[in-house]
Amino acid sequence: QVQLVESGGGLVQPGGSLRLSCAASGFTFSGYWMNWVRQAPGKGLEWVSVIGGSTYYADSVKGRFTISRDNAKNTLYLQMNSLKPDDTAVYYCAKADAYSGMDYWGKGTLVTVSS
């Protein structure tokens, strides 16, 4: 049974930093690309970043966010720096499928950027 559990969300001031974690279980973590996706209040889903053989970022977070993983710990991370109010969202980690989709998602963790 695949499980993805996000943590690390909370309230942070603009310009601040936060690190999100996603604990994975139920599959061979090292064998799959992993994504971060977010949903701002009243908005649709926005893909943020992915890590596998390489890393890729949405233009909106490029230069500010860093995705990483520790395969020995089955954990995915998202280091978020220089946070903006527009970064306020529920952040989800999601496992990539064998194609280009995402077949399992966590329940998300809320990040609120506000002064």
C-alpha atoms as a PDB file:
ATOM      1  CA  GLN A   1       0.000   0.000   0.000  1.00  0.00           C
ATOM      2  CA  VAL A   2       1.516   3.242  -1.187  1.00  0.00           C
ATOM      3  CA  GLN A   3       1.598   6.023   1.373  1.00  0.00           C
ATOM      4  CA  LEU A   4       2.854   9.578   1.019  1.00  0.00           C
ATOM      5  CA  VAL A   5       2.783  11.832   4.072  1.00  0.00           C
ATOM      6  CA  GLU A   6       3.748  15.493   3.805  1.00  0.00           C
ATOM      7  CA  SER A   7       4.950  17.562   6.739  1.00  0.00           C
ATOM      8  CA  GLY A   8       6.646  20.867   7.469  1.00  0.00           C
ATOM      9  CA  GLY A   9       3.958  23.316   6.444  1.00  0.00           C
ATOM     10  CA  GLY A  10       2.988  26.311   8.509  1.00  0.00           C
ATOM     11  CA  LEU A  11       2.893  30.087   8.677  1.00  0.00           C
ATOM     12  CA  VAL A  12       5.918  32.008   7.460  1.00  0.00           C
ATOM     13  CA  GLN A  13       6.582  35.671   6.684  1.00  0.00           C
ATOM     14  CA  PRO A  14       7.333  36.903   3.162  1.00  0.00           C
ATOM     15  CA  GLY A  15      11.011  36.423   2.459  1.00  0.00           C
ATOM     16  CA  GLY A  16      11.211  33.534   4.878  1.00  0.00           C
ATOM     17  CA  SER A  17      12.073  29.894   4.348  1.00  0.00           C
ATOM     18  CA  LEU A  18      10.475  26.555   4.989  1.00  0.00           C
ATOM     19  CA  ARG A  19      11.401  22.941   4.270  1.00  0.00           C
ATOM     20  CA  LEU A  20       8.718  20.440   3.414  1.00  0.00           C
ATOM     21  CA  SER A  21       9.169  16.693   3.748  1.00  0.00           C
ATOM     22  CA  CYS A  22       7.309  13.765   2.248  1.00  0.00           C
ATOM     23  CA  ALA A  23       7.699  10.346   3.836  1.00  0.00           C
ATOM     24  CA  ALA A  24       7.084   7.562   1.332  1.00  0.00           C
ATOM     25  CA  SER A  25       6.312   3.900   1.854  1.00  0.00           C
ATOM     26  CA  GLY A  26       4.781   0.938   0.056  1.00  0.00           C
ATOM     27  CA  PHE A  27       6.934   1.098  -3.072  1.00  0.00           C
ATOM     28  CA  THR A  28      10.553   1.170  -4.153  1.00  0.00           C
ATOM     29  CA  PHE A  29      11.078   4.875  -3.612  1.00  0.00           C
ATOM     30  CA  SER A  30      14.422   5.083  -5.395  1.00  0.00           C
ATOM     31  CA  GLY A  31      12.899   3.692  -8.589  1.00  0.00           C
ATOM     32  CA  TYR A  32      10.465   6.523  -9.242  1.00  0.00           C
ATOM     33  CA  TRP A  33      10.466  10.181 -10.107  1.00  0.00           C
ATOM     34  CA  MET A  34       8.741  12.260  -7.427  1.00  0.00           C
ATOM     35  CA  ASN A  35       6.817  15.513  -7.772  1.00  0.00           C
ATOM     36  CA  TRP A  36       5.665  18.439  -5.716  1.00  0.00           C
ATOM     37  CA  VAL A  37       2.360  19.999  -6.743  1.00  0.00           C
ATOM     38  CA  ARG A  38       0.510  22.843  -5.060  1.00  0.00           C
ATOM     39  CA  GLN A  39      -2.971  24.305  -4.945  1.00  0.00           C
ATOM     40  CA  ALA A  40      -3.501  27.903  -3.876  1.00  0.00           C
ATOM     41  CA  PRO A  41      -6.830  28.870  -2.301  1.00  0.00           C
ATOM     42  CA  GLY A  42      -9.506  28.979  -4.978  1.00  0.00           C
ATOM     43  CA  LYS A  43      -7.032  27.956  -7.682  1.00  0.00           C
ATOM     44  CA  GLY A  44      -6.294  24.825  -9.633  1.00  0.00           C
ATOM     45  CA  LEU A  45      -3.379  22.481  -9.246  1.00  0.00           C
ATOM     46  CA  GLU A  46       0.034  23.836 -10.179  1.00  0.00           C
ATOM     47  CA  TRP A  47       2.982  21.557 -10.762  1.00  0.00           C
ATOM     48  CA  VAL A  48       6.000  22.825  -8.824  1.00  0.00           C
ATOM     49  CA  SER A  49       8.949  20.483  -9.271  1.00  0.00           C
ATOM     50  CA  VAL A  50      10.093  16.952 -10.047  1.00  0.00           C
ATOM     51  CA  ILE A  51      13.175  14.909  -9.240  1.00  0.00           C
ATOM     52  CA  GLY A  52      14.460  11.713 -10.758  1.00  0.00           C
ATOM     53  CA  GLY A  53      17.488  11.472 -12.976  1.00  0.00           C
ATOM     54  CA  SER A  54      17.327  15.272 -13.137  1.00  0.00           C
ATOM     55  CA  THR A  55      15.435  18.097 -11.478  1.00  0.00           C
ATOM     56  CA  TYR A  56      12.947  20.494 -13.047  1.00  0.00           C
ATOM     57  CA  TYR A  57      11.041  23.470 -11.699  1.00  0.00           C
ATOM     58  CA  ALA A  58       8.104  25.631 -12.606  1.00  0.00           C
ATOM     59  CA  ASP A  59       9.143  29.125 -13.662  1.00  0.00           C
ATOM     60  CA  SER A  60       7.250  30.551 -10.707  1.00  0.00           C
ATOM     61  CA  VAL A  61       9.602  28.893  -8.200  1.00  0.00           C
ATOM     62  CA  LYS A  62      12.836  28.564 -10.151  1.00  0.00           C
ATOM     63  CA  GLY A  63      15.785  29.965  -8.238  1.00  0.00           C
ATOM     64  CA  ARG A  64      13.905  29.963  -4.945  1.00  0.00           C
ATOM     65  CA  PHE A  65      12.910  26.334  -4.362  1.00  0.00           C
ATOM     66  CA  THR A  66      15.120  23.251  -4.308  1.00  0.00           C
ATOM     67  CA  ILE A  67      13.833  19.707  -4.592  1.00  0.00           C
ATOM     68  CA  SER A  68      15.888  16.849  -3.160  1.00  0.00           C
ATOM     69  CA  ARG A  69      15.513  13.317  -1.899  1.00  0.00           C
ATOM     70  CA  ASP A  70      17.121  10.881   0.494  1.00  0.00           C
ATOM     71  CA  ASN A  71      16.515   7.437  -0.942  1.00  0.00           C
ATOM     72  CA  ALA A  72      17.925   5.709   2.147  1.00  0.00           C
ATOM     73  CA  LYS A  73      15.226   7.422   4.200  1.00  0.00           C
ATOM     74  CA  ASN A  74      12.479   7.178   1.555  1.00  0.00           C
ATOM     75  CA  THR A  75      11.962  10.904   1.929  1.00  0.00           C
ATOM     76  CA  LEU A  76      11.370  13.722  -0.538  1.00  0.00           C
ATOM     77  CA  TYR A  77      12.111  17.339   0.357  1.00  0.00           C
ATOM     78  CA  LEU A  78      11.267  20.798  -0.899  1.00  0.00           C
ATOM     79  CA  GLN A  79      13.398  23.643   0.405  1.00  0.00           C
ATOM     80  CA  MET A  80      11.513  26.889  -0.108  1.00  0.00           C
ATOM     81  CA  ASN A  81      13.359  30.199   0.196  1.00  0.00           C
ATOM     82  CA  SER A  82      12.394  33.815  -0.460  1.00  0.00           C
ATOM     83  CA  LEU A  83       8.769  32.915   0.028  1.00  0.00           C
ATOM     84  CA  LYS A  84       6.069  35.148  -1.408  1.00  0.00           C
ATOM     85  CA  PRO A  85       2.384  35.472  -0.525  1.00  0.00           C
ATOM     86  CA  ASP A  86       1.594  33.850  -3.879  1.00  0.00           C
ATOM     87  CA  ASP A  87       3.332  30.701  -2.619  1.00  0.00           C
ATOM     88  CA  THR A  88       0.489  30.200  -0.159  1.00  0.00           C
ATOM     89  CA  ALA A  89      -1.006  26.832  -1.025  1.00  0.00           C
ATOM     90  CA  VAL A  90      -1.523  23.265   0.001  1.00  0.00           C
ATOM     91  CA  TYR A  91       1.584  21.403  -1.116  1.00  0.00           C
ATOM     92  CA  TYR A  92       1.305  17.785  -2.201  1.00  0.00           C
ATOM     93  CA  CYS A  93       3.951  15.211  -2.966  1.00  0.00           C
ATOM     94  CA  ALA A  94       3.074  12.811  -5.750  1.00  0.00           C
ATOM     95  CA  LYS A  95       4.647   9.658  -7.129  1.00  0.00           C
ATOM     96  CA  ALA A  96       5.214   9.507 -10.855  1.00  0.00           C
ATOM     97  CA  ASP A  97       3.738   6.615 -12.771  1.00  0.00           C
ATOM     98  CA  ALA A  98       5.462   4.684 -15.542  1.00  0.00           C
ATOM     99  CA  TYR A  99       4.479   7.295 -18.116  1.00  0.00           C
ATOM    100  CA  SER A 100       4.206  11.013 -17.351  1.00  0.00           C
ATOM    101  CA  GLY A 101       1.416  11.150 -14.804  1.00  0.00           C
ATOM    102  CA  MET A 102       1.154  10.917 -11.032  1.00  0.00           C
ATOM    103  CA  ASP A 103      -0.569   7.870  -9.627  1.00  0.00           C
ATOM    104  CA  TYR A 104      -0.368   8.437  -5.870  1.00  0.00           C
ATOM    105  CA  TRP A 105      -0.693  11.634  -3.883  1.00  0.00           C
ATOM    106  CA  GLY A 106      -0.306  12.610  -0.273  1.00  0.00           C
ATOM    107  CA  LYS A 107      -2.957  14.528   1.616  1.00  0.00           C
ATOM    108  CA  GLY A 108      -0.959  17.744   1.505  1.00  0.00           C
ATOM    109  CA  THR A 109       0.479  20.251   3.939  1.00  0.00           C
ATOM    110  CA  LEU A 110      -0.597  23.892   4.104  1.00  0.00           C
ATOM    111  CA  VAL A 111       1.946  26.664   3.634  1.00  0.00           C
ATOM    112  CA  THR A 112       0.757  30.173   4.454  1.00  0.00           C
ATOM    113  CA  VAL A 113       3.010  33.098   3.557  1.00  0.00           C
ATOM    114  CA  SER A 114       1.751  36.231   5.249  1.00  0.00           C
ATOM    115  CA  SER A 115       2.890  39.093   7.427  1.00  0.00           C
END
